[in-house]
Amino acid sequence: QHRERQRSTARRIKLVRQKVHKAGISMLDSIDECGNPKTLFNKKEIIVIMIPNQKKFKKSQNTPFLQQPLLDKVGKSGSGPTADKILKGTMAVNDQIDET
């Protein structure tokens, strides 16, 4: 009886974990045309916003900032002393960084 209870519990945990893993996004906080915050629940509306955002943010994947050595120096957030030097124009560019 104890073993069957364990199996039953394990099956329920597995089912819940799969549902959470496959659930995806069910809501998205956004801003409407007038600049007011709004929450979207409709999957089609969410996709309309997400696809252009994905394309926009993936554009930077092959740039020097997401490659070594800049990735370690600047980080994914783009903050810190190196980022400040870049913004101020005081960072010395070394030969290891491809400027193309």
Protein backbone atom coordinates (compact mmCIF):
# COMPACT_ATOMS: atom_id res chain seq x y z
CA GLN A 1 0.00 0.00 0.00
CA HIS A 2 2.82 2.40 0.87
CA ARG A 3 4.61 1.58 -2.38
CA GLU A 4 1.48 2.20 -4.45
CA ARG A 5 0.98 5.55 -2.71
CA GLN A 6 4.58 6.49 -3.61
CA ARG A 7 4.01 5.48 -7.23
CA SER A 8 0.81 7.49 -7.36
CA THR A 9 2.52 10.53 -5.87
CA ALA A 10 5.44 10.18 -8.27
CA ARG A 11 3.03 10.01 -11.25
CA ARG A 12 1.26 13.18 -10.07
CA ILE A 13 4.55 15.02 -9.61
CA LYS A 14 5.69 13.96 -13.07
CA LEU A 15 2.40 15.10 -14.60
CA VAL A 16 2.57 18.49 -12.88
CA ARG A 17 6.20 19.01 -13.89
CA GLN A 18 5.37 18.23 -17.52
CA LYS A 19 2.45 20.64 -17.48
CA VAL A 20 4.59 23.41 -16.03
CA HIS A 21 7.36 22.71 -18.53
CA LYS A 22 5.00 22.73 -21.52
CA ALA A 23 2.77 25.56 -20.30
CA GLY A 24 4.53 28.42 -22.06
CA ILE A 25 3.49 32.00 -21.55
CA SER A 26 -0.09 32.56 -20.43
CA MET A 27 0.06 36.33 -19.92
CA LEU A 28 2.23 39.28 -20.95
CA ASP A 29 2.48 42.74 -19.44
CA SER A 30 2.66 45.32 -22.21
CA ILE A 31 2.00 48.97 -22.98
CA ASP A 32 -0.84 50.06 -25.25
CA GLU A 33 -0.72 52.73 -27.98
CA CYS A 34 -1.39 55.49 -25.44
CA GLY A 35 1.42 54.40 -23.12
CA ASN A 36 -0.86 52.76 -20.55
CA PRO A 37 0.14 49.42 -19.03
CA LYS A 38 -2.02 46.45 -19.95
CA THR A 39 -1.91 42.69 -19.43
CA LEU A 40 -2.52 40.40 -22.38
CA PHE A 41 -4.01 36.93 -21.93
CA ASN A 42 -4.92 36.13 -25.55
CA LYS A 43 -2.27 33.86 -27.08
CA LYS A 44 -2.53 35.47 -30.53
CA GLU A 45 -2.01 38.96 -29.08
CA ILE A 46 0.98 37.73 -27.10
CA ILE A 47 2.57 36.16 -30.20
CA VAL A 48 2.04 39.37 -32.21
CA ILE A 49 4.21 41.19 -29.65
CA MET A 50 6.74 38.43 -28.99
CA ILE A 51 7.82 37.63 -32.56
CA PRO A 52 9.08 41.14 -33.43
CA ASN A 53 10.75 41.38 -30.00
CA GLN A 54 12.56 38.07 -30.53
CA LYS A 55 13.82 39.22 -33.92
CA LYS A 56 14.95 42.55 -32.49
CA PHE A 57 16.84 41.05 -29.56
CA LYS A 58 18.42 38.25 -31.59
CA LYS A 59 20.07 40.79 -33.90
CA SER A 60 22.80 41.33 -31.34
CA GLN A 61 23.78 37.66 -31.01
CA ASN A 62 26.65 37.82 -33.50
CA THR A 63 27.99 41.23 -32.49
CA PRO A 64 31.29 41.78 -30.64
CA PHE A 65 29.44 42.53 -27.40
CA LEU A 66 28.15 38.96 -27.19
CA GLN A 67 31.51 37.42 -28.08
CA GLN A 68 34.66 37.07 -26.03
CA PRO A 69 36.47 39.07 -24.74
CA LEU A 70 33.81 41.82 -24.59
CA LEU A 71 31.16 39.51 -23.19
CA ASP A 72 33.24 38.93 -20.05
CA LYS A 73 34.22 42.60 -19.78
CA VAL A 74 30.83 44.20 -20.39
CA GLY A 75 28.49 41.37 -19.40
CA LYS A 76 25.04 40.62 -20.74
CA SER A 77 23.51 43.52 -18.84
CA GLY A 78 25.90 46.09 -20.33
CA SER A 79 26.66 47.71 -17.01
CA GLY A 80 29.77 48.24 -14.96
CA PRO A 81 33.11 50.02 -15.37
CA THR A 82 33.85 48.74 -18.90
CA ALA A 83 30.41 49.74 -20.16
CA ASP A 84 30.87 53.20 -18.63
CA LYS A 85 34.23 53.57 -20.42
CA ILE A 86 32.62 52.56 -23.72
CA LEU A 87 29.82 55.10 -23.29
CA LYS A 88 32.31 57.83 -22.38
CA GLY A 89 34.55 56.91 -25.31
CA THR A 90 37.54 56.24 -23.06
CA MET A 91 37.93 52.48 -23.56
CA ALA A 92 41.04 51.43 -25.45
CA VAL A 93 40.16 48.90 -28.15
CA ASN A 94 42.73 46.12 -28.25
CA ASP A 95 43.64 43.99 -31.25
CA GLN A 96 41.61 41.00 -30.02
CA ILE A 97 38.28 42.70 -30.73
CA ASP A 98 36.92 42.46 -34.26
CA GLU A 99 35.49 45.89 -35.04
CA THR A 100 33.37 44.75 -38.01
